[in-house]
Protein backbone atom coordinates (compact mmCIF):
# COMPACT_ATOMS: atom_id res chain seq x y z
CA UNK A 1 6.47 18.10 -30.15
CA UNK A 2 6.05 15.85 -27.11
CA UNK A 3 4.21 17.47 -24.19
CA UNK A 4 3.44 15.69 -20.91
CA UNK A 5 1.65 16.96 -17.82
CA UNK A 6 0.52 14.97 -14.80
CA UNK A 7 -2.16 15.11 -12.13
CA UNK A 8 -1.23 13.38 -8.87
CA UNK A 9 -3.95 12.43 -6.42
CA UNK A 10 -2.36 11.99 -3.00
CA UNK A 11 -4.33 10.51 -0.10
CA UNK A 12 -3.65 12.71 2.91
CA UNK A 13 -2.73 11.02 6.17
CA UNK A 14 -5.65 12.24 8.29
CA UNK A 15 -7.59 10.18 10.83
CA UNK A 16 -11.01 11.30 9.52
CA UNK A 17 -12.50 12.06 6.11
CA UNK A 18 -12.50 15.46 4.44
CA UNK A 19 -16.07 16.49 5.27
CA UNK A 20 -17.18 14.11 8.04
CA UNK A 21 -15.83 12.27 11.09
CA UNK A 22 -15.76 8.78 9.52
CA UNK A 23 -12.32 7.14 9.96
CA UNK A 24 -10.04 6.94 6.95
CA UNK A 25 -8.48 3.61 7.93
CA UNK A 26 -9.65 0.35 9.48
CA UNK A 27 -9.98 -3.37 8.92
CA UNK A 28 -13.76 -3.45 8.72
CA UNK A 29 -15.64 -4.89 5.78
CA UNK A 30 -16.88 -2.92 2.74
CA UNK A 31 -19.30 -0.02 3.29
CA UNK A 32 -18.81 0.11 7.07
CA UNK A 33 -16.85 3.37 7.48
CA UNK A 34 -19.65 5.52 6.07
CA UNK A 35 -22.24 8.06 7.21
CA UNK A 36 -25.01 10.17 5.60
CA UNK A 37 -22.48 12.86 4.61
CA UNK A 38 -20.04 10.66 2.67
CA UNK A 39 -22.97 8.69 1.21
CA UNK A 40 -24.49 11.89 -0.17
CA UNK A 41 -27.80 11.68 1.69
CA UNK A 42 -30.09 14.70 1.30
CA UNK A 43 -29.76 17.19 4.15
CA UNK A 44 -26.39 15.88 5.40
CA UNK A 45 -24.03 18.84 5.90
CA UNK A 46 -20.25 18.70 5.35
CA UNK A 47 -17.71 20.10 7.85
CA UNK A 48 -14.19 20.82 6.53
CA UNK A 49 -11.29 18.85 8.05
CA UNK A 50 -8.77 21.37 9.47
CA UNK A 51 -5.78 18.99 9.33
CA UNK A 52 -6.40 18.28 5.66
CA UNK A 53 -6.21 22.03 4.98
CA UNK A 54 -2.99 22.34 6.99
CA UNK A 55 -1.42 19.36 5.21
CA UNK A 56 -2.42 20.82 1.83
CA UNK A 57 -0.81 24.16 2.71
CA UNK A 58 2.32 22.34 3.89
CA UNK A 59 2.58 20.59 0.50
CA UNK A 60 2.01 23.90 -1.30
CA UNK A 61 4.82 25.63 0.62
CA UNK A 62 7.21 22.73 -0.02
CA UNK A 63 6.46 23.02 -3.77
CA UNK A 64 7.09 26.79 -3.76
CA UNK A 65 3.44 27.67 -4.46
CA UNK A 66 1.59 30.92 -3.97
CA UNK A 67 -1.38 30.84 -1.61
CA UNK A 68 -4.60 32.88 -2.02
CA UNK A 69 -6.09 34.87 0.83
CA UNK A 70 -9.12 32.61 0.75
CA UNK A 71 -10.42 29.56 -1.09
CA UNK A 72 -13.68 27.68 -1.47
CA UNK A 73 -15.04 24.41 -2.80
CA UNK A 74 -17.09 23.69 -5.88
CA UNK A 75 -19.31 20.83 -6.99
CA UNK A 76 -18.00 18.94 -10.01
CA UNK A 77 -21.08 17.28 -11.41
CA UNK A 78 -21.04 13.95 -13.17
CA UNK A 79 -23.11 10.80 -12.86
CA UNK A 80 -21.09 7.73 -11.92
CA UNK A 81 -21.80 4.93 -9.40
CA UNK A 82 -18.76 5.70 -7.17
CA UNK A 83 -20.17 9.19 -6.45
CA UNK A 84 -23.43 8.69 -4.52
CA UNK A 85 -24.26 12.41 -4.56
CA UNK A 86 -23.61 12.65 -8.34
CA UNK A 87 -21.05 15.37 -7.76
CA UNK A 88 -17.58 15.63 -6.25
CA UNK A 89 -16.58 18.37 -3.84
CA UNK A 90 -13.37 19.77 -5.28
CA UNK A 91 -11.82 23.13 -6.21
CA UNK A 92 -11.97 24.85 -9.57
CA UNK A 93 -12.35 28.62 -9.61
CA UNK A 94 -9.93 29.20 -6.70
CA UNK A 95 -7.45 26.49 -5.77
CA UNK A 96 -5.75 25.99 -2.43
CA UNK A 97 -2.48 27.05 -4.08
CA UNK A 98 -0.76 27.47 -7.44
CA UNK A 99 2.14 28.88 -9.44
CA UNK A 100 4.69 26.58 -7.81
CA UNK A 101 7.56 24.53 -9.21
CA UNK A 102 10.04 21.73 -8.66
CA UNK A 103 13.50 21.70 -10.18
CA UNK A 104 14.38 18.50 -12.06
CA UNK A 105 18.10 18.55 -12.73
CA UNK A 106 18.55 21.72 -14.83
CA UNK A 107 14.86 22.21 -15.63
CA UNK A 108 11.92 23.74 -13.78
CA UNK A 109 8.64 21.81 -13.78
CA UNK A 110 5.78 24.21 -13.00
CA UNK A 111 3.02 23.26 -10.57
CA UNK A 112 -0.13 24.85 -11.98
CA UNK A 113 -2.42 24.26 -9.01
CA UNK A 114 -2.98 22.26 -5.83
CA UNK A 115 -6.55 21.31 -4.93
CA UNK A 116 -8.24 19.61 -2.01
CA UNK A 117 -11.01 17.22 -2.94
CA UNK A 118 -12.93 14.18 -1.73
CA UNK A 119 -12.16 10.72 -3.06
CA UNK A 120 -14.97 8.78 -4.75
CA UNK A 121 -15.80 5.23 -3.70
CA UNK A 122 -13.81 2.25 -4.93
CA UNK A 123 -15.04 0.14 -7.84
CA UNK A 124 -14.22 -3.56 -7.40
CA UNK A 125 -14.09 -5.66 -10.60
CA UNK A 126 -14.04 -9.45 -10.22
CA UNK A 127 -11.11 -11.19 -11.90
CA UNK A 128 -7.89 -9.69 -13.23
CA UNK A 129 -9.20 -8.47 -16.59
CA UNK A 130 -11.49 -5.46 -16.05
CA UNK A 131 -12.78 -5.60 -19.63
CA UNK A 132 -14.16 -9.12 -19.04
CA UNK A 133 -15.84 -8.45 -15.67
CA UNK A 134 -19.57 -9.28 -15.75
CA UNK A 135 -20.41 -7.03 -12.80
CA UNK A 136 -18.90 -4.32 -10.57
CA UNK A 137 -19.05 -3.90 -6.79
CA UNK A 138 -18.79 -0.55 -4.99
CA UNK A 139 -17.10 0.05 -1.64
CA UNK A 140 -17.91 3.50 -0.22
CA UNK A 141 -15.37 3.26 2.62
CA UNK A 142 -13.03 5.33 0.44
CA UNK A 143 -15.69 7.93 -0.41
CA UNK A 144 -14.81 11.23 1.24
CA UNK A 145 -11.18 10.47 2.06
CA UNK A 146 -9.16 13.69 1.62
CA UNK A 147 -7.11 13.94 -1.55
CA UNK A 148 -4.55 16.54 -2.50
CA UNK A 149 -4.52 16.96 -6.28
CA UNK A 150 -1.20 18.27 -7.62
CA UNK A 151 -1.40 19.41 -11.25
CA UNK A 152 1.65 20.32 -13.33
CA UNK A 153 1.93 22.26 -16.55
CA UNK A 154 2.86 20.17 -19.64
CA UNK A 155 6.54 20.84 -19.01
CA UNK A 156 7.88 17.28 -19.18
CA UNK A 157 9.71 16.45 -22.39
CA UNK A 158 10.74 12.88 -21.49
CA UNK A 159 9.12 10.06 -19.54
CA UNK A 160 12.24 9.86 -17.36
CA UNK A 161 11.59 13.40 -16.09
CA UNK A 162 8.09 12.32 -15.03
CA UNK A 163 9.50 9.39 -13.03
CA UNK A 164 12.09 11.63 -11.31
CA UNK A 165 9.40 14.21 -10.43
CA UNK A 166 7.15 11.56 -8.89
CA UNK A 167 9.99 9.99 -6.93
CA UNK A 168 11.07 13.34 -5.52
CA UNK A 169 7.54 14.38 -4.71
CA UNK A 170 6.95 11.09 -2.90
CA UNK A 171 10.10 11.62 -0.81
CA UNK A 172 8.98 15.13 0.14
CA UNK A 173 5.45 14.11 1.08
CA UNK A 174 6.22 10.84 2.88
CA UNK A 175 9.69 11.13 4.39
CA UNK A 176 9.85 14.84 5.18
CA UNK A 177 6.32 16.25 5.49
CA UNK A 178 4.75 13.04 6.87
CA UNK A 179 1.42 13.77 5.14
CA UNK A 180 1.32 10.62 3.00
CA UNK A 181 1.87 6.88 3.41
CA UNK A 182 2.85 4.95 0.28
CA UNK A 183 2.07 1.61 1.93
CA UNK A 184 -1.67 2.32 1.89
CA UNK A 185 -3.55 0.89 -1.10
CA UNK A 186 -4.42 3.56 -3.65
CA UNK A 187 -2.62 6.27 -1.68
CA UNK A 188 -1.10 7.79 -4.84
CA UNK A 189 -2.79 7.73 -8.22
CA UNK A 190 -1.53 9.51 -11.31
CA UNK A 191 -3.37 10.77 -14.38
CA UNK A 192 -0.97 11.52 -17.22
CA UNK A 193 -1.80 13.90 -20.06
CA UNK A 194 0.21 13.44 -23.24
CA UNK A 195 0.19 14.84 -26.75
CA UNK A 196 2.64 14.30 -29.57
CA UNK A 197 1.18 16.09 -32.60
CA UNK A 198 -2.50 15.25 -32.28
CA UNK A 199 -5.20 15.79 -29.64
CA UNK A 200 -4.41 15.39 -25.95
CA UNK A 201 -4.86 11.96 -24.36
CA UNK A 202 -5.39 11.43 -20.64
CA UNK A 203 -4.34 8.11 -19.06
CA UNK A 204 -6.25 7.54 -15.81
CA UNK A 205 -5.47 6.08 -12.39
CA UNK A 206 -1.93 4.74 -12.77
CA UNK A 207 -0.75 3.45 -9.40
CA UNK A 208 3.04 2.98 -9.67
CA UNK A 209 5.90 5.13 -10.92
CA UNK A 210 7.10 2.38 -13.27
CA UNK A 211 3.60 2.01 -14.72
CA UNK A 212 3.45 5.78 -15.34
CA UNK A 213 6.65 5.61 -17.37
CA UNK A 214 5.55 2.44 -19.17
CA UNK A 215 2.10 3.88 -19.97
CA UNK A 216 3.59 7.06 -21.41
CA UNK A 217 6.15 5.16 -23.48
CA UNK A 218 3.38 2.93 -24.83
CA UNK A 219 1.21 5.92 -25.71
CA UNK A 220 4.09 7.67 -27.50
CA UNK A 221 4.57 4.57 -29.63
CA UNK A 222 0.80 4.15 -30.24
CA UNK A 223 0.31 7.77 -31.29
CA UNK A 224 3.18 7.40 -33.75
CA UNK A 225 0.92 5.22 -35.91
CA UNK A 226 -2.55 6.24 -34.67
CA UNK A 227 -2.63 9.98 -34.10
CA UNK A 228 -5.73 10.94 -32.02
CA UNK A 229 -8.00 13.54 -33.60
CA UNK A 230 -10.19 14.17 -30.52
CA UNK A 231 -9.40 14.19 -26.81
CA UNK A 232 -9.53 10.73 -25.25
CA UNK A 233 -9.52 9.28 -21.76
CA UNK A 234 -7.73 5.94 -21.66
CA UNK A 235 -7.04 3.35 -18.97
CA UNK A 236 -3.79 1.49 -18.33
CA UNK A 237 -3.64 -2.30 -18.24
CA UNK A 238 -0.55 -3.13 -16.19
CA UNK A 239 -0.77 -6.82 -17.17
CA UNK A 240 -1.01 -6.30 -20.94
CA UNK A 241 1.22 -3.20 -20.74
CA UNK A 242 -1.17 -1.25 -22.96
CA UNK A 243 -3.67 1.60 -22.77
CA UNK A 244 -7.32 1.14 -23.76
CA UNK A 245 -10.10 3.60 -24.60
CA UNK A 246 -12.47 4.50 -21.75
CA UNK A 247 -14.33 7.42 -23.31
CA UNK A 248 -13.83 10.56 -25.32
CA UNK A 249 -12.65 13.26 -22.98
CA UNK A 250 -15.10 15.59 -21.32
CA UNK A 251 -14.32 19.31 -21.36
CA UNK A 252 -14.36 21.44 -18.23
CA UNK A 253 -17.76 22.81 -19.27
CA UNK A 254 -19.22 19.29 -19.25
CA UNK A 255 -18.68 19.03 -15.50
CA UNK A 256 -20.90 22.03 -14.77
CA UNK A 257 -18.92 23.38 -11.80
CA UNK A 258 -20.99 25.34 -9.29
CA UNK A 259 -20.16 26.88 -5.93
CA UNK A 260 -20.55 24.48 -2.97
CA UNK A 261 -23.03 26.45 -0.86
CA UNK A 262 -22.91 23.97 2.05
CA UNK A 263 -19.36 25.17 2.86
CA UNK A 264 -18.19 28.69 3.65
CA UNK A 265 -15.09 30.32 2.19
CA UNK A 266 -11.90 29.52 4.13
CA UNK A 267 -9.39 32.25 4.92
CA UNK A 268 -5.62 31.61 4.77
CA UNK A 269 -3.91 34.05 7.13
CA UNK A 270 -0.24 34.97 7.25
CA UNK A 271 -0.07 33.65 10.81
CA UNK A 272 -1.33 30.29 9.54
CA UNK A 273 1.29 30.26 6.78
CA UNK A 274 4.07 31.16 9.25
CA UNK A 275 2.95 28.49 11.70
CA UNK A 276 2.86 25.76 9.05
CA UNK A 277 6.11 26.95 7.47
CA UNK A 278 7.97 26.32 10.73
CA UNK A 279 7.03 22.63 10.50
CA UNK A 280 8.72 22.18 7.11
CA UNK A 281 12.30 20.87 7.50
CA UNK A 282 15.16 21.30 5.07
CA UNK A 283 14.02 19.14 2.17
CA UNK A 284 15.98 16.32 0.58
CA UNK A 285 17.15 18.12 -2.54
CA UNK A 286 18.39 21.13 -0.62
CA UNK A 287 20.35 18.69 1.52
CA UNK A 288 21.87 17.09 -1.58
CA UNK A 289 23.23 20.43 -2.81
CA UNK A 290 24.57 21.28 0.66
CA UNK A 291 26.25 17.89 1.09
CA UNK A 292 27.99 18.18 -2.28
CA UNK A 293 29.16 21.73 -1.55
CA UNK A 294 30.18 21.39 2.10
CA UNK A 295 31.14 17.73 2.50
CA UNK A 296 32.47 17.20 -1.06
CA UNK A 297 30.74 13.84 -1.41
CA UNK A 298 29.48 12.26 -4.64
CA UNK A 299 26.06 13.34 -5.88
CA UNK A 300 24.84 9.74 -5.92
CA UNK A 301 25.87 9.24 -2.29
CA UNK A 302 24.24 12.54 -1.31
CA UNK A 303 20.93 11.59 -2.98
CA UNK A 304 20.74 8.22 -1.25
CA UNK A 305 21.60 9.70 2.16
CA UNK A 306 19.14 12.60 1.84
CA UNK A 307 16.33 10.23 0.81
CA UNK A 308 15.44 9.63 4.48
CA UNK A 309 15.73 12.41 7.10
CA UNK A 310 16.82 9.91 9.79
CA UNK A 311 19.57 8.63 7.51
CA UNK A 312 20.62 12.21 6.75
CA UNK A 313 20.66 13.06 10.46
CA UNK A 314 22.98 10.10 11.18
CA UNK A 315 25.30 11.10 8.33
CA UNK A 316 25.58 14.71 9.51
CA UNK A 317 26.27 13.56 13.07
CA UNK A 318 29.09 11.26 11.93
CA UNK A 319 30.51 13.70 9.36
CA UNK A 320 31.36 16.14 12.17
CA UNK A 321 34.00 13.71 13.52
CA UNK A 322 34.77 11.36 10.62
CA UNK A 323 35.93 12.02 7.05
CA UNK A 324 32.57 12.82 5.32
CA UNK A 325 33.56 10.83 2.21
CA UNK A 326 34.23 7.75 4.36
CA UNK A 327 30.99 8.27 6.31
CA UNK A 328 28.93 8.73 3.14
CA UNK A 329 30.42 5.74 1.35
CA UNK A 330 30.14 3.44 4.34
CA UNK A 331 26.60 4.46 5.33
CA UNK A 332 25.32 4.28 1.79
CA UNK A 333 27.06 1.02 0.94
CA UNK A 334 27.03 -1.06 4.11
CA UNK A 335 24.27 0.34 6.29
CA UNK A 336 21.84 0.69 3.39
CA UNK A 337 22.62 -2.87 2.25
CA UNK A 338 21.90 -4.30 5.71
CA UNK A 339 18.65 -2.33 5.96
CA UNK A 340 17.56 -3.61 2.56
CA UNK A 341 18.42 -7.20 3.50
CA UNK A 342 16.36 -6.82 6.68
CA UNK A 343 13.59 -5.07 4.69
CA UNK A 344 13.52 -2.28 7.26
CA UNK A 345 13.79 1.49 7.41
CA UNK A 346 16.44 3.09 9.58
CA UNK A 347 13.87 4.20 12.18
CA UNK A 348 12.79 0.59 12.59
CA UNK A 349 16.16 -0.61 13.90
CA UNK A 350 17.74 0.13 17.27
CA UNK A 351 20.75 2.11 16.04
CA UNK A 352 22.56 4.32 18.57
CA UNK A 353 24.22 7.13 16.63
CA UNK A 354 27.14 7.40 19.07
CA UNK A 355 28.03 3.74 18.60
CA UNK A 356 27.78 4.09 14.81
CA UNK A 357 30.18 7.03 15.04
CA UNK A 358 32.48 4.98 17.28
CA UNK A 359 32.47 2.19 14.69
CA UNK A 360 33.39 4.57 11.88
CA UNK A 361 36.16 6.13 13.96
CA UNK A 362 37.63 2.65 14.42
CA UNK A 363 37.48 2.20 10.63
CA UNK A 364 39.07 5.58 9.96
CA UNK A 365 41.86 4.88 12.44
CA UNK A 366 42.36 1.48 10.76
CA UNK A 367 41.85 -0.40 14.00
CA UNK A 368 39.39 -2.81 12.38
CA UNK A 369 38.88 -4.25 8.92
CA UNK A 370 35.84 -3.64 6.72
CA UNK A 371 34.70 -7.21 7.37
CA UNK A 372 34.84 -6.72 11.12
CA UNK A 373 32.94 -3.45 10.79
CA UNK A 374 30.18 -5.15 8.79
CA UNK A 375 29.79 -7.88 11.39
CA UNK A 376 29.61 -5.34 14.21
CA UNK A 377 27.06 -3.26 12.29
CA UNK A 378 24.71 -6.23 12.00
CA UNK A 379 24.93 -6.71 15.77
CA UNK A 380 24.41 -2.96 16.38
CA UNK A 381 21.12 -3.13 14.46
CA UNK A 382 19.90 -5.66 17.02
CA UNK A 383 21.04 -3.95 20.23
CA UNK A 384 23.32 -1.06 21.28
CA UNK A 385 26.86 -1.71 22.59
CA UNK A 386 30.31 -0.15 22.40
CA UNK A 387 32.18 -1.37 19.28
CA UNK A 388 35.48 -0.32 20.87
CA UNK A 389 34.95 -2.47 23.95
CA UNK A 390 33.63 -5.32 21.80
CA UNK A 391 36.70 -5.55 19.52
CA UNK A 392 39.08 -5.38 22.47
CA UNK A 393 37.19 -8.07 24.38
CA UNK A 394 36.83 -10.29 21.27
CA UNK A 395 40.42 -9.62 20.12
CA UNK A 396 39.26 -8.25 16.76
CA UNK A 397 41.68 -5.32 16.55
CA UNK A 398 43.19 -5.21 13.06
CA UNK A 399 46.46 -7.11 12.92
CA UNK A 400 49.28 -5.11 11.33
CA UNK A 401 52.27 -6.99 12.75
CA UNK A 402 54.39 -7.74 9.66
CA UNK A 403 56.23 -10.71 11.14
CA UNK A 404 53.02 -12.36 12.37
CA UNK A 405 51.20 -11.88 9.06
CA UNK A 406 54.25 -13.10 7.11
CA UNK A 407 54.32 -16.28 9.18
CA UNK A 408 50.65 -16.96 8.33
CA UNK A 409 51.23 -16.14 4.64
CA UNK A 410 54.10 -18.67 4.47
CA UNK A 411 51.83 -21.30 5.99
CA UNK A 412 49.09 -20.59 3.42
CA UNK A 413 51.58 -20.70 0.51
CA UNK A 414 52.98 -24.03 1.70
CA UNK A 415 49.52 -25.61 2.06
CA UNK A 416 48.10 -24.31 -1.24
CA UNK A 417 50.80 -24.92 -3.86
CA UNK A 418 48.30 -25.41 -6.70
CA UNK A 419 46.76 -21.97 -6.10
CA UNK A 420 50.26 -20.44 -5.98
CA UNK A 421 51.14 -22.06 -9.33
CA UNK A 422 47.85 -20.85 -10.85
CA UNK A 423 48.56 -17.29 -9.71
CA UNK A 424 52.03 -17.43 -11.23
CA UNK A 425 50.33 -18.41 -14.49
CA UNK A 426 48.24 -15.22 -14.34
CA UNK A 427 45.02 -16.37 -12.66
CA UNK A 428 43.92 -13.49 -10.39
CA UNK A 429 41.22 -15.61 -8.74
CA UNK A 430 43.92 -17.84 -7.28
CA UNK A 431 45.52 -14.86 -5.54
CA UNK A 432 42.18 -13.79 -4.08
CA UNK A 433 41.76 -17.35 -2.81
CA UNK A 434 45.11 -17.15 -1.00
CA UNK A 435 44.22 -13.76 0.52
CA UNK A 436 40.94 -15.24 1.75
CA UNK A 437 42.79 -18.13 3.41
CA UNK A 438 45.06 -15.71 5.29
CA UNK A 439 42.11 -13.57 6.38
CA UNK A 440 40.28 -16.67 7.59
CA UNK A 441 43.25 -17.78 9.72
CA UNK A 442 43.40 -14.32 11.31
CA UNK A 443 39.60 -14.23 11.95
CA UNK A 444 39.43 -11.46 9.29
CA UNK A 445 41.47 -9.13 11.52
CA UNK A 446 44.60 -8.89 9.35
CA UNK A 447 45.23 -5.67 7.46
CA UNK A 448 44.09 -6.76 3.95
CA UNK A 449 46.43 -4.37 2.12
CA UNK A 450 49.37 -5.66 4.13
CA UNK A 451 48.35 -9.27 3.46
CA UNK A 452 48.32 -8.63 -0.31
CA UNK A 453 51.73 -6.96 -0.27
CA UNK A 454 53.36 -9.73 1.79
CA UNK A 455 51.80 -12.52 -0.29
CA UNK A 456 52.97 -10.94 -3.55
CA UNK A 457 56.50 -10.50 -2.21
CA UNK A 458 56.74 -14.08 -0.94
CA UNK A 459 55.29 -15.66 -4.12
CA UNK A 460 57.65 -13.71 -6.40
CA UNK A 461 60.75 -14.80 -4.48
């Protein structure tokens, strides 16, 4: 039976490291954002970062976890060059939180525990093929950066469920909680644990959602012909699209966890929980259910809209005055397309929500065509202005005068006899060509449905 569990290591968006005041970001060279504490010098004392604790609790509450009354840190001992102190400060006996869950479609994926821990340094291998590197460099700028480790139970039964979980978790952490930035290198790393019928295999440090799915699919296929008898830790080669053996897996006992006596126990009070809970907005997947129930929009539209809280805010504002189905379809289709073309997020463009509403009201009242609306939207992303005043001034109000449109249709038919003959022979493209000619002569302001009806009537005479 296929069992999959994952461990996500999320870099928290704090300005300083977990146990010292060294900055977490900067453009300096290697090994410049370091101090005696994050370099593991004897006698250097750690001080816990309060914001990292608050961000960890925020994540725990969003994932429906239970919180202990107090927690503490342990030393996870192992000798490796990226850990200058030869141990990692993490949590083992008592985690920051646990017993949470996330619903994936009709299934519940349990969150076993959430830990805070320090990141090791970064190993830099020359060349693209790690296995052929003749030496390794170490950059300790990353050492000590706060990580939130999110560990699930082995509840996934397909690789697709893993991808959906990671996508939803990323949306929660980045778009809604603002505790994570996916644009930072190495900001989210995934270890995937998988077993088919043999011993469990762990695949380490996968850095993209697609690679997680690919690595798991590869391992399922590999284990079909090479069933592991002992626990293994494997790496993922994203170029070769294959896993490779790193070492046989250590057990928990091998790490020799001991209490971190340089740090005191930290209390989690109810006041702290209440304070942090107030900062958590309605999350994306609660919005999806509400949009489907209240606004009666398609699930796919609801998921796209709820992906970004600013996008969702604009939709809800417009849906109060405009048909929600129209607002959802138009925002998802046209606004999202223009944002993607510009490679921008909605908060990066100068969109005035009142003018977007005004534009959609003009569409709903059939005062402008879809083409006109698209052109106005592009201009609205550059600077705010009244679409109503603009169409009146530019004479872009949708033309629905039958006599005027019929006159233009007759002109187009007369000048494009070959296309008319082709349409009569059953070529639909020829009819679309004629419609386009009429729309062009009316500066795309003619009612397209009316144009089609008049053209058909005149051609069939």
